[in-house]
Amino acid sequence: QVVEVRGLEVGFLGSWYSAHVLEVREARTTKLRLCYQAFQEEDGSRWEDVVDLHDVRPIPPNHTPCFLRDFKPGAPLEMLFEAGWWEVEYLGSSGLKHNVIAKRYNKQHTVAA
């Protein structure tokens, strides 16, 4: 099963990365052993980690190609950047370009529709 995992380390806060669930560990809290799809060890093997269940979510459903036309400035979105989904806020559009801001990092991005 593929899930998305919340980034908890400095520089990854506000991001989600996809990973394969390798094992579910039941104890006082449920933990998942995962293999990230985007990260590799120095030897080329996929990076594995153990995370709490509350830091995992299902893969989101596909969206329609024109989903952005209904958004208003201030709407929360996620933007695919460096193999992860990052929390951003919609600022508006200019032609076929859309402007968003990652407030946590004070970074603005312009992306194509």
PDB file of N, CA and C in Angstrom:
ATOM      1  N   GLN A   1       0.841  -1.179   0.000  1.00  0.00           N
ATOM      2  CA  GLN A   1       0.000   0.000   0.000  1.00  0.00           C
ATOM      3  C   GLN A   1       0.885   1.241   0.000  1.00  0.00           C
ATOM      4  N   VAL A   2       0.496   2.237  -0.780  1.00  0.00           N
ATOM      5  CA  VAL A   2       1.226   3.507  -0.841  1.00  0.00           C
ATOM      6  C   VAL A   2       0.454   4.551  -0.046  1.00  0.00           C
ATOM      7  N   VAL A   3       1.172   5.310   0.771  1.00  0.00           N
ATOM      8  CA  VAL A   3       0.602   6.377   1.595  1.00  0.00           C
ATOM      9  C   VAL A   3       1.475   7.615   1.432  1.00  0.00           C
ATOM     10  N   GLU A   4       1.057   8.711   2.055  1.00  0.00           N
ATOM     11  CA  GLU A   4       1.893   9.905   2.134  1.00  0.00           C
ATOM     12  C   GLU A   4       2.264  10.140   3.593  1.00  0.00           C
ATOM     13  N   VAL A   5       3.508  10.588   3.808  1.00  0.00           N
ATOM     14  CA  VAL A   5       4.051  10.771   5.148  1.00  0.00           C
ATOM     15  C   VAL A   5       4.398  12.248   5.351  1.00  0.00           C
ATOM     16  N   ARG A   6       3.974  12.765   6.495  1.00  0.00           N
ATOM     17  CA  ARG A   6       4.237  14.162   6.860  1.00  0.00           C
ATOM     18  C   ARG A   6       5.734  14.351   7.141  1.00  0.00           C
ATOM     19  N   GLY A   7       6.298  15.430   6.565  1.00  0.00           N
ATOM     20  CA  GLY A   7       7.680  15.790   6.856  1.00  0.00           C
ATOM     21  C   GLY A   7       7.768  16.450   8.222  1.00  0.00           C
ATOM     22  N   LEU A   8       8.590  15.900   9.113  1.00  0.00           N
ATOM     23  CA  LEU A   8       8.670  16.412  10.485  1.00  0.00           C
ATOM     24  C   LEU A   8      10.014  17.051  10.818  1.00  0.00           C
ATOM     25  N   GLU A   9      10.992  16.894   9.939  1.00  0.00           N
ATOM     26  CA  GLU A   9      12.315  17.449  10.218  1.00  0.00           C
ATOM     27  C   GLU A   9      12.419  18.878   9.693  1.00  0.00           C
ATOM     28  N   VAL A  10      13.340  19.631  10.262  1.00  0.00           N
ATOM     29  CA  VAL A  10      13.570  21.001   9.825  1.00  0.00           C
ATOM     30  C   VAL A  10      13.859  20.987   8.321  1.00  0.00           C
ATOM     31  N   GLY A  11      13.224  21.884   7.599  1.00  0.00           N
ATOM     32  CA  GLY A  11      13.378  21.947   6.154  1.00  0.00           C
ATOM     33  C   GLY A  11      12.353  21.109   5.410  1.00  0.00           C
ATOM     34  N   PHE A  12      11.638  20.225   6.125  1.00  0.00           N
ATOM     35  CA  PHE A  12      10.608  19.396   5.508  1.00  0.00           C
ATOM     36  C   PHE A  12       9.234  19.645   6.117  1.00  0.00           C
ATOM     37  N   LEU A  13       9.142  20.572   7.086  1.00  0.00           N
ATOM     38  CA  LEU A  13       7.854  20.868   7.702  1.00  0.00           C
ATOM     39  C   LEU A  13       6.894  21.394   6.636  1.00  0.00           C
ATOM     40  N   GLY A  14       5.662  20.920   6.662  1.00  0.00           N
ATOM     41  CA  GLY A  14       4.676  21.340   5.679  1.00  0.00           C
ATOM     42  C   GLY A  14       4.716  20.549   4.388  1.00  0.00           C
ATOM     43  N   SER A  15       5.451  19.436   4.383  1.00  0.00           N
ATOM     44  CA  SER A  15       5.541  18.610   3.169  1.00  0.00           C
ATOM     45  C   SER A  15       5.000  17.208   3.421  1.00  0.00           C
ATOM     46  N   TRP A  16       4.672  16.530   2.332  1.00  0.00           N
ATOM     47  CA  TRP A  16       4.198  15.144   2.363  1.00  0.00           C
ATOM     48  C   TRP A  16       4.898  14.381   1.247  1.00  0.00           C
ATOM     49  N   TYR A  17       5.439  13.200   1.579  1.00  0.00           N
ATOM     50  CA  TYR A  17       6.140  12.370   0.593  1.00  0.00           C
ATOM     51  C   TYR A  17       5.522  10.983   0.546  1.00  0.00           C
ATOM     52  N   SER A  18       5.464  10.406  -0.648  1.00  0.00           N
ATOM     53  CA  SER A  18       4.859   9.081  -0.795  1.00  0.00           C
ATOM     54  C   SER A  18       5.841   7.993  -0.361  1.00  0.00           C
ATOM     55  N   ALA A  19       5.253   6.921   0.194  1.00  0.00           N
ATOM     56  CA  ALA A  19       6.052   5.794   0.686  1.00  0.00           C
ATOM     57  C   ALA A  19       5.212   4.520   0.639  1.00  0.00           C
ATOM     58  N   HIS A  20       5.906   3.409   0.483  1.00  0.00           N
ATOM     59  CA  HIS A  20       5.258   2.090   0.543  1.00  0.00           C
ATOM     60  C   HIS A  20       5.263   1.613   1.993  1.00  0.00           C
ATOM     61  N   VAL A  21       4.131   1.092   2.454  1.00  0.00           N
ATOM     62  CA  VAL A  21       4.058   0.513   3.796  1.00  0.00           C
ATOM     63  C   VAL A  21       4.665  -0.887   3.721  1.00  0.00           C
ATOM     64  N   LEU A  22       5.683  -1.123   4.537  1.00  0.00           N
ATOM     65  CA  LEU A  22       6.339  -2.427   4.580  1.00  0.00           C
ATOM     66  C   LEU A  22       5.808  -3.294   5.721  1.00  0.00           C
ATOM     67  N   GLU A  23       5.426  -2.617   6.824  1.00  0.00           N
ATOM     68  CA  GLU A  23       5.009  -3.358   8.017  1.00  0.00           C
ATOM     69  C   GLU A  23       4.196  -2.444   8.931  1.00  0.00           C
ATOM     70  N   VAL A  24       3.205  -3.007   9.595  1.00  0.00           N
ATOM     71  CA  VAL A  24       2.431  -2.292  10.612  1.00  0.00           C
ATOM     72  C   VAL A  24       2.783  -2.897  11.957  1.00  0.00           C
ATOM     73  N   ARG A  25       3.189  -2.047  12.888  1.00  0.00           N
ATOM     74  CA  ARG A  25       3.569  -2.502  14.226  1.00  0.00           C
ATOM     75  C   ARG A  25       2.555  -1.986  15.233  1.00  0.00           C
ATOM     76  N   GLU A  26       1.865  -2.888  15.882  1.00  0.00           N
ATOM     77  CA  GLU A  26       0.869  -2.520  16.889  1.00  0.00           C
ATOM     78  C   GLU A  26       1.507  -2.626  18.268  1.00  0.00           C
ATOM     79  N   ALA A  27       1.427  -1.559  19.031  1.00  0.00           N
ATOM     80  CA  ALA A  27       1.891  -1.533  20.424  1.00  0.00           C
ATOM     81  C   ALA A  27       0.989  -0.531  21.135  1.00  0.00           C
ATOM     82  N   ARG A  28       1.548   0.299  22.012  1.00  0.00           N
ATOM     83  CA  ARG A  28       0.736   1.366  22.618  1.00  0.00           C
ATOM     84  C   ARG A  28       0.224   2.308  21.543  1.00  0.00           C
ATOM     85  N   THR A  29       1.058   2.586  20.560  1.00  0.00           N
ATOM     86  CA  THR A  29       0.651   3.382  19.400  1.00  0.00           C
ATOM     87  C   THR A  29       1.006   2.590  18.145  1.00  0.00           C
ATOM     88  N   THR A  30       0.264   2.817  17.085  1.00  0.00           N
ATOM     89  CA  THR A  30       0.533   2.112  15.843  1.00  0.00           C
ATOM     90  C   THR A  30       1.661   2.803  15.093  1.00  0.00           C
ATOM     91  N   LYS A  31       2.639   2.032  14.700  1.00  0.00           N
ATOM     92  CA  LYS A  31       3.775   2.534  13.934  1.00  0.00           C
ATOM     93  C   LYS A  31       3.798   1.811  12.593  1.00  0.00           C
ATOM     94  N   LEU A  32       4.277   2.503  11.584  1.00  0.00           N
ATOM     95  CA  LEU A  32       4.421   1.921  10.260  1.00  0.00           C
ATOM     96  C   LEU A  32       5.876   1.963   9.840  1.00  0.00           C
ATOM     97  N   ARG A  33       6.370   0.843   9.328  1.00  0.00           N
ATOM     98  CA  ARG A  33       7.707   0.817   8.712  1.00  0.00           C
ATOM     99  C   ARG A  33       7.486   1.072   7.231  1.00  0.00           C
ATOM    100  N   LEU A  34       8.180   2.092   6.709  1.00  0.00           N
ATOM    101  CA  LEU A  34       7.943   2.587   5.353  1.00  0.00           C
ATOM    102  C   LEU A  34       9.214   2.595   4.523  1.00  0.00           C
ATOM    103  N   CYS A  35       9.013   2.596   3.224  1.00  0.00           N
ATOM    104  CA  CYS A  35      10.092   2.776   2.261  1.00  0.00           C
ATOM    105  C   CYS A  35       9.704   3.953   1.376  1.00  0.00           C
ATOM    106  N   TYR A  36      10.429   5.068   1.495  1.00  0.00           N
ATOM    107  CA  TYR A  36      10.109   6.274   0.730  1.00  0.00           C
ATOM    108  C   TYR A  36      10.403   6.071  -0.755  1.00  0.00           C
ATOM    109  N   GLN A  37       9.554   6.627  -1.606  1.00  0.00           N
ATOM    110  CA  GLN A  37       9.763   6.533  -3.041  1.00  0.00           C
ATOM    111  C   GLN A  37      10.758   7.579  -3.538  1.00  0.00           C
ATOM    112  N   ALA A  38      10.878   8.713  -2.866  1.00  0.00           N
ATOM    113  CA  ALA A  38      11.697   9.820  -3.354  1.00  0.00           C
ATOM    114  C   ALA A  38      13.119   9.843  -2.804  1.00  0.00           C
ATOM    115  N   PHE A  39      13.379   9.123  -1.717  1.00  0.00           N
ATOM    116  CA  PHE A  39      14.681   9.231  -1.067  1.00  0.00           C
ATOM    117  C   PHE A  39      15.468   7.931  -1.173  1.00  0.00           C
ATOM    118  N   GLN A  40      16.786   8.068  -1.372  1.00  0.00           N
ATOM    119  CA  GLN A  40      17.660   6.904  -1.461  1.00  0.00           C
ATOM    120  C   GLN A  40      18.846   7.056  -0.515  1.00  0.00           C
ATOM    121  N   GLU A  41      19.325   5.907  -0.047  1.00  0.00           N
ATOM    122  CA  GLU A  41      20.552   5.881   0.744  1.00  0.00           C
ATOM    123  C   GLU A  41      21.736   6.047  -0.211  1.00  0.00           C
ATOM    124  N   GLU A  42      22.938   6.219   0.341  1.00  0.00           N
ATOM    125  CA  GLU A  42      24.126   6.385  -0.492  1.00  0.00           C
ATOM    126  C   GLU A  42      24.391   5.179  -1.381  1.00  0.00           C
ATOM    127  N   ASP A  43      23.988   3.987  -0.925  1.00  0.00           N
ATOM    128  CA  ASP A  43      24.214   2.773  -1.725  1.00  0.00           C
ATOM    129  C   ASP A  43      23.139   2.556  -2.793  1.00  0.00           C
ATOM    130  N   GLY A  44      22.190   3.494  -2.917  1.00  0.00           N
ATOM    131  CA  GLY A  44      21.137   3.395  -3.926  1.00  0.00           C
ATOM    132  C   GLY A  44      19.861   2.734  -3.443  1.00  0.00           C
ATOM    133  N   SER A  45      19.891   2.139  -2.239  1.00  0.00           N
ATOM    134  CA  SER A  45      18.674   1.522  -1.708  1.00  0.00           C
ATOM    135  C   SER A  45      17.709   2.613  -1.246  1.00  0.00           C
ATOM    136  N   ARG A  46      16.439   2.280  -1.218  1.00  0.00           N
ATOM    137  CA  ARG A  46      15.421   3.238  -0.786  1.00  0.00           C
ATOM    138  C   ARG A  46      15.522   3.463   0.716  1.00  0.00           C
ATOM    139  N   TRP A  47      15.254   4.697   1.131  1.00  0.00           N
ATOM    140  CA  TRP A  47      15.333   5.078   2.534  1.00  0.00           C
ATOM    141  C   TRP A  47      14.120   4.537   3.268  1.00  0.00           C
ATOM    142  N   GLU A  48      14.362   3.825   4.363  1.00  0.00           N
ATOM    143  CA  GLU A  48      13.288   3.284   5.200  1.00  0.00           C
ATOM    144  C   GLU A  48      13.204   4.072   6.494  1.00  0.00           C
ATOM    145  N   ASP A  49      11.993   4.082   7.082  1.00  0.00           N
ATOM    146  CA  ASP A  49      11.765   4.816   8.312  1.00  0.00           C
ATOM    147  C   ASP A  49      10.601   4.174   9.052  1.00  0.00           C
ATOM    148  N   VAL A  50      10.489   4.463  10.334  1.00  0.00           N
ATOM    149  CA  VAL A  50       9.346   4.043  11.139  1.00  0.00           C
ATOM    150  C   VAL A  50       8.673   5.320  11.635  1.00  0.00           C
ATOM    151  N   VAL A  51       7.360   5.437  11.373  1.00  0.00           N
ATOM    152  CA  VAL A  51       6.630   6.655  11.723  1.00  0.00           C
ATOM    153  C   VAL A  51       5.340   6.296  12.450  1.00  0.00           C
ATOM    154  N   ASP A  52       4.803   7.276  13.191  1.00  0.00           N
ATOM    155  CA  ASP A  52       3.505   7.108  13.852  1.00  0.00           C
ATOM    156  C   ASP A  52       2.391   7.142  12.813  1.00  0.00           C
ATOM    157  N   LEU A  53       1.348   6.401  13.074  1.00  0.00           N
ATOM    158  CA  LEU A  53       0.205   6.346  12.167  1.00  0.00           C
ATOM    159  C   LEU A  53      -0.406   7.729  11.930  1.00  0.00           C
ATOM    160  N   HIS A  54      -0.411   8.601  12.960  1.00  0.00           N
ATOM    161  CA  HIS A  54      -1.028   9.928  12.793  1.00  0.00           C
ATOM    162  C   HIS A  54      -0.224  10.850  11.876  1.00  0.00           C
ATOM    163  N   ASP A  55       0.973  10.443  11.448  1.00  0.00           N
ATOM    164  CA  ASP A  55       1.775  11.226  10.511  1.00  0.00           C
ATOM    165  C   ASP A  55       1.657  10.686   9.087  1.00  0.00           C
ATOM    166  N   VAL A  56       0.641   9.869   8.844  1.00  0.00           N
ATOM    167  CA  VAL A  56       0.433   9.238   7.539  1.00  0.00           C
ATOM    168  C   VAL A  56      -0.989   9.533   7.076  1.00  0.00           C
ATOM    169  N   ARG A  57      -1.145   9.720   5.777  1.00  0.00           N
ATOM    170  CA  ARG A  57      -2.478   9.909   5.196  1.00  0.00           C
ATOM    171  C   ARG A  57      -2.568   9.110   3.896  1.00  0.00           C
ATOM    172  N   PRO A  58      -3.787   8.854   3.424  1.00  0.00           N
ATOM    173  CA  PRO A  58      -3.935   8.164   2.141  1.00  0.00           C
ATOM    174  C   PRO A  58      -3.456   9.045   0.980  1.00  0.00           C
ATOM    175  N   ILE A  59      -3.133   8.424  -0.124  1.00  0.00           N
ATOM    176  CA  ILE A  59      -2.814   9.161  -1.347  1.00  0.00           C
ATOM    177  C   ILE A  59      -4.091   9.898  -1.775  1.00  0.00           C
ATOM    178  N   PRO A  60      -3.991  11.180  -2.133  1.00  0.00           N
ATOM    179  CA  PRO A  60      -5.207  11.909  -2.522  1.00  0.00           C
ATOM    180  C   PRO A  60      -5.751  11.419  -3.863  1.00  0.00           C
ATOM    181  N   PRO A  61      -7.034  11.655  -4.107  1.00  0.00           N
ATOM    182  CA  PRO A  61      -7.613  11.259  -5.392  1.00  0.00           C
ATOM    183  C   PRO A  61      -7.104  12.160  -6.516  1.00  0.00           C
ATOM    184  N   ASN A  62      -7.243  11.698  -7.745  1.00  0.00           N
ATOM    185  CA  ASN A  62      -6.889  12.525  -8.901  1.00  0.00           C
ATOM    186  C   ASN A  62      -7.850  13.707  -8.986  1.00  0.00           C
ATOM    187  N   HIS A  63      -7.370  14.796  -9.551  1.00  0.00           N
ATOM    188  CA  HIS A  63      -8.201  15.989  -9.718  1.00  0.00           C
ATOM    189  C   HIS A  63      -8.490  16.208 -11.208  1.00  0.00           C
ATOM    190  N   THR A  64      -9.488  17.017 -11.474  1.00  0.00           N
ATOM    191  CA  THR A  64      -9.797  17.356 -12.860  1.00  0.00           C
ATOM    192  C   THR A  64      -8.788  18.388 -13.359  1.00  0.00           C
ATOM    193  N   PRO A  65      -8.510  18.420 -14.650  1.00  0.00           N
ATOM    194  CA  PRO A  65      -7.508  19.362 -15.174  1.00  0.00           C
ATOM    195  C   PRO A  65      -7.815  20.831 -14.897  1.00  0.00           C
ATOM    196  N   CYS A  66      -9.082  21.190 -14.749  1.00  0.00           N
ATOM    197  CA  CYS A  66      -9.424  22.616 -14.575  1.00  0.00           C
ATOM    198  C   CYS A  66      -9.823  22.935 -13.136  1.00  0.00           C
ATOM    199  N   PHE A  67      -9.348  22.167 -12.175  1.00  0.00           N
ATOM    200  CA  PHE A  67      -9.784  22.366 -10.788  1.00  0.00           C
ATOM    201  C   PHE A  67      -9.412  23.736 -10.228  1.00  0.00           C
ATOM    202  N   LEU A  68      -8.352  24.353 -10.722  1.00  0.00           N
ATOM    203  CA  LEU A  68      -7.901  25.632 -10.158  1.00  0.00           C
ATOM    204  C   LEU A  68      -8.836  26.797 -10.458  1.00  0.00           C
ATOM    205  N   ARG A  69      -9.672  26.685 -11.477  1.00  0.00           N
ATOM    206  CA  ARG A  69     -10.519  27.829 -11.845  1.00  0.00           C
ATOM    207  C   ARG A  69     -11.512  28.204 -10.743  1.00  0.00           C
ATOM    208  N   ASP A  70     -11.815  27.260  -9.860  1.00  0.00           N
ATOM    209  CA  ASP A  70     -12.778  27.514  -8.791  1.00  0.00           C
ATOM    210  C   ASP A  70     -12.147  28.055  -7.507  1.00  0.00           C
ATOM    211  N   PHE A  71     -10.833  28.138  -7.457  1.00  0.00           N
ATOM    212  CA  PHE A  71     -10.174  28.586  -6.235  1.00  0.00           C
ATOM    213  C   PHE A  71     -10.163  30.096  -6.125  1.00  0.00           C
ATOM    214  N   LYS A  72     -10.270  30.546  -4.907  1.00  0.00           N
ATOM    215  CA  LYS A  72     -10.212  31.972  -4.584  1.00  0.00           C
ATOM    216  C   LYS A  72      -8.901  32.243  -3.846  1.00  0.00           C
ATOM    217  N   PRO A  73      -8.379  33.472  -3.938  1.00  0.00           N
ATOM    218  CA  PRO A  73      -7.176  33.795  -3.169  1.00  0.00           C
ATOM    219  C   PRO A  73      -7.367  33.445  -1.686  1.00  0.00           C
ATOM    220  N   GLY A  74      -6.331  32.861  -1.109  1.00  0.00           N
ATOM    221  CA  GLY A  74      -6.359  32.433   0.287  1.00  0.00           C
ATOM    222  C   GLY A  74      -6.676  30.960   0.452  1.00  0.00           C
ATOM    223  N   ALA A  75      -7.079  30.277  -0.626  1.00  0.00           N
ATOM    224  CA  ALA A  75      -7.414  28.856  -0.529  1.00  0.00           C
ATOM    225  C   ALA A  75      -6.161  28.030  -0.256  1.00  0.00           C
ATOM    226  N   PRO A  76      -6.224  27.066   0.675  1.00  0.00           N
ATOM    227  CA  PRO A  76      -5.074  26.201   0.926  1.00  0.00           C
ATOM    228  C   PRO A  76      -4.941  25.167  -0.183  1.00  0.00           C
ATOM    229  N   LEU A  77      -3.720  24.959  -0.651  1.00  0.00           N
ATOM    230  CA  LEU A  77      -3.402  23.976  -1.687  1.00  0.00           C
ATOM    231  C   LEU A  77      -2.111  23.268  -1.312  1.00  0.00           C
ATOM    232  N   GLU A  78      -1.751  22.292  -2.119  1.00  0.00           N
ATOM    233  CA  GLU A  78      -0.438  21.678  -2.019  1.00  0.00           C
ATOM    234  C   GLU A  78       0.191  21.679  -3.399  1.00  0.00           C
ATOM    235  N   MET A  79       1.482  21.966  -3.440  1.00  0.00           N
ATOM    236  CA  MET A  79       2.220  22.071  -4.689  1.00  0.00           C
ATOM    237  C   MET A  79       3.302  20.993  -4.726  1.00  0.00           C
ATOM    238  N   LEU A  80       3.400  20.288  -5.845  1.00  0.00           N
ATOM    239  CA  LEU A  80       4.450  19.294  -6.010  1.00  0.00           C
ATOM    240  C   LEU A  80       5.764  20.013  -6.268  1.00  0.00           C
ATOM    241  N   PHE A  81       6.736  19.784  -5.384  1.00  0.00           N
ATOM    242  CA  PHE A  81       8.033  20.441  -5.472  1.00  0.00           C
ATOM    243  C   PHE A  81       9.080  19.486  -4.916  1.00  0.00           C
ATOM    244  N   GLU A  82      10.103  19.179  -5.717  1.00  0.00           N
ATOM    245  CA  GLU A  82      11.185  18.281  -5.306  1.00  0.00           C
ATOM    246  C   GLU A  82      10.646  16.969  -4.750  1.00  0.00           C
ATOM    247  N   ALA A  83       9.716  16.352  -5.479  1.00  0.00           N
ATOM    248  CA  ALA A  83       9.157  15.018  -5.197  1.00  0.00           C
ATOM    249  C   ALA A  83       8.249  14.946  -3.975  1.00  0.00           C
ATOM    250  N   GLY A  84       7.907  16.101  -3.401  1.00  0.00           N
ATOM    251  CA  GLY A  84       6.990  16.110  -2.260  1.00  0.00           C
ATOM    252  C   GLY A  84       5.887  17.130  -2.468  1.00  0.00           C
ATOM    253  N   TRP A  85       4.795  16.952  -1.741  1.00  0.00           N
ATOM    254  CA  TRP A  85       3.680  17.892  -1.779  1.00  0.00           C
ATOM    255  C   TRP A  85       3.844  18.871  -0.628  1.00  0.00           C
ATOM    256  N   TRP A  86       3.859  20.166  -0.939  1.00  0.00           N
ATOM    257  CA  TRP A  86       4.116  21.216   0.041  1.00  0.00           C
ATOM    258  C   TRP A  86       2.885  22.083   0.224  1.00  0.00           C
ATOM    259  N   GLU A  87       2.596  22.439   1.492  1.00  0.00           N
ATOM    260  CA  GLU A  87       1.455  23.282   1.813  1.00  0.00           C
ATOM    261  C   GLU A  87       1.711  24.696   1.315  1.00  0.00           C
ATOM    262  N   VAL A  88       0.770  25.204   0.515  1.00  0.00           N
ATOM    263  CA  VAL A  88       0.851  26.566   0.002  1.00  0.00           C
ATOM    264  C   VAL A  88      -0.529  27.207   0.074  1.00  0.00           C
ATOM    265  N   GLU A  89      -0.561  28.512  -0.150  1.00  0.00           N
ATOM    266  CA  GLU A  89      -1.817  29.259  -0.217  1.00  0.00           C
ATOM    267  C   GLU A  89      -1.926  29.863  -1.612  1.00  0.00           C
ATOM    268  N   TYR A  90      -3.106  29.753  -2.191  1.00  0.00           N
ATOM    269  CA  TYR A  90      -3.356  30.284  -3.535  1.00  0.00           C
ATOM    270  C   TYR A  90      -3.449  31.799  -3.482  1.00  0.00           C
ATOM    271  N   LEU A  91      -2.687  32.481  -4.357  1.00  0.00           N
ATOM    272  CA  LEU A  91      -2.709  33.943  -4.406  1.00  0.00           C
ATOM    273  C   LEU A  91      -3.547  34.461  -5.560  1.00  0.00           C
ATOM    274  N   GLY A  92      -3.607  33.705  -6.667  1.00  0.00           N
ATOM    275  CA  GLY A  92      -4.360  34.136  -7.836  1.00  0.00           C
ATOM    276  C   GLY A  92      -3.676  33.683  -9.102  1.00  0.00           C
ATOM    277  N   SER A  93      -4.237  34.100 -10.230  1.00  0.00           N
ATOM    278  CA  SER A  93      -3.678  33.678 -11.510  1.00  0.00           C
ATOM    279  C   SER A  93      -3.421  34.872 -12.406  1.00  0.00           C
ATOM    280  N   SER A  94      -2.565  34.636 -13.377  1.00  0.00           N
ATOM    281  CA  SER A  94      -2.253  35.608 -14.409  1.00  0.00           C
ATOM    282  C   SER A  94      -2.100  34.816 -15.698  1.00  0.00           C
ATOM    283  N   GLY A  95      -3.152  34.817 -16.513  1.00  0.00           N
ATOM    284  CA  GLY A  95      -3.135  33.997 -17.725  1.00  0.00           C
ATOM    285  C   GLY A  95      -3.148  32.526 -17.346  1.00  0.00           C
ATOM    286  N   LEU A  96      -2.195  31.778 -17.859  1.00  0.00           N
ATOM    287  CA  LEU A  96      -2.107  30.342 -17.566  1.00  0.00           C
ATOM    288  C   LEU A  96      -1.174  30.044 -16.397  1.00  0.00           C
ATOM    289  N   LYS A  97      -0.725  31.065 -15.723  1.00  0.00           N
ATOM    290  CA  LYS A  97       0.166  30.896 -14.566  1.00  0.00           C
ATOM    291  C   LYS A  97      -0.613  31.139 -13.282  1.00  0.00           C
ATOM    292  N   HIS A  98      -0.243  30.392 -12.243  1.00  0.00           N
ATOM    293  CA  HIS A  98      -0.884  30.525 -10.934  1.00  0.00           C
ATOM    294  C   HIS A  98       0.184  30.862  -9.903  1.00  0.00           C
ATOM    295  N   ASN A  99      -0.156  31.755  -8.999  1.00  0.00           N
ATOM    296  CA  ASN A  99       0.769  32.197  -7.964  1.00  0.00           C
ATOM    297  C   ASN A  99       0.342  31.635  -6.615  1.00  0.00           C
ATOM    298  N   VAL A 100       1.319  31.070  -5.906  1.00  0.00           N
ATOM    299  CA  VAL A 100       1.087  30.512  -4.580  1.00  0.00           C
ATOM    300  C   VAL A 100       2.199  30.979  -3.653  1.00  0.00           C
ATOM    301  N   ILE A 101       1.947  30.859  -2.348  1.00  0.00           N
ATOM    302  CA  ILE A 101       2.972  31.187  -1.359  1.00  0.00           C
ATOM    303  C   ILE A 101       3.025  30.081  -0.314  1.00  0.00           C
ATOM    304  N   ALA A 102       4.248  29.692   0.030  1.00  0.00           N
ATOM    305  CA  ALA A 102       4.484  28.793   1.159  1.00  0.00           C
ATOM    306  C   ALA A 102       4.788  29.704   2.346  1.00  0.00           C
ATOM    307  N   LYS A 103       3.763  30.007   3.133  1.00  0.00           N
ATOM    308  CA  LYS A 103       3.911  30.993   4.205  1.00  0.00           C
ATOM    309  C   LYS A 103       4.945  30.582   5.247  1.00  0.00           C
ATOM    310  N   ARG A 104       5.025  29.287   5.533  1.00  0.00           N
ATOM    311  CA  ARG A 104       5.981  28.809   6.541  1.00  0.00           C
ATOM    312  C   ARG A 104       7.409  29.211   6.175  1.00  0.00           C
ATOM    313  N   TYR A 105       7.711  29.238   4.863  1.00  0.00           N
ATOM    314  CA  TYR A 105       9.060  29.545   4.387  1.00  0.00           C
ATOM    315  C   TYR A 105       9.144  30.908   3.696  1.00  0.00           C
ATOM    316  N   ASN A 106       8.011  31.627   3.630  1.00  0.00           N
ATOM    317  CA  ASN A 106       7.942  32.933   2.975  1.00  0.00           C
ATOM    318  C   ASN A 106       8.491  32.871   1.549  1.00  0.00           C
ATOM    319  N   LYS A 107       8.052  31.848   0.786  1.00  0.00           N
ATOM    320  CA  LYS A 107       8.498  31.655  -0.593  1.00  0.00           C
ATOM    321  C   LYS A 107       7.293  31.680  -1.520  1.00  0.00           C
ATOM    322  N   GLN A 108       7.359  32.518  -2.544  1.00  0.00           N
ATOM    323  CA  GLN A 108       6.322  32.563  -3.556  1.00  0.00           C
ATOM    324  C   GLN A 108       6.764  31.749  -4.768  1.00  0.00           C
ATOM    325  N   HIS A 109       5.792  31.097  -5.418  1.00  0.00           N
ATOM    326  CA  HIS A 109       6.065  30.312  -6.621  1.00  0.00           C
ATOM    327  C   HIS A 109       5.013  30.654  -7.664  1.00  0.00           C
ATOM    328  N   THR A 110       5.435  30.675  -8.913  1.00  0.00           N
ATOM    329  CA  THR A 110       4.527  30.794 -10.047  1.00  0.00           C
ATOM    330  C   THR A 110       4.587  29.470 -10.785  1.00  0.00           C
ATOM    331  N   VAL A 111       3.435  28.864 -10.973  1.00  0.00           N
ATOM    332  CA  VAL A 111       3.373  27.551 -11.604  1.00  0.00           C
ATOM    333  C   VAL A 111       2.422  27.579 -12.786  1.00  0.00           C
ATOM    334  N   ALA A 112       2.735  26.746 -13.792  1.00  0.00           N
ATOM    335  CA  ALA A 112       1.873  26.624 -14.965  1.00  0.00           C
ATOM    336  C   ALA A 112       0.650  25.787 -14.621  1.00  0.00           C
ATOM    337  N   ALA A 113      -0.454  26.084 -15.283  1.00  0.00           N
ATOM    338  CA  ALA A 113      -1.697  25.322 -15.064  1.00  0.00           C
ATOM    339  C   ALA A 113      -1.566  23.919 -15.610  1.00  0.00           C
TER     340      ALA A 113
END
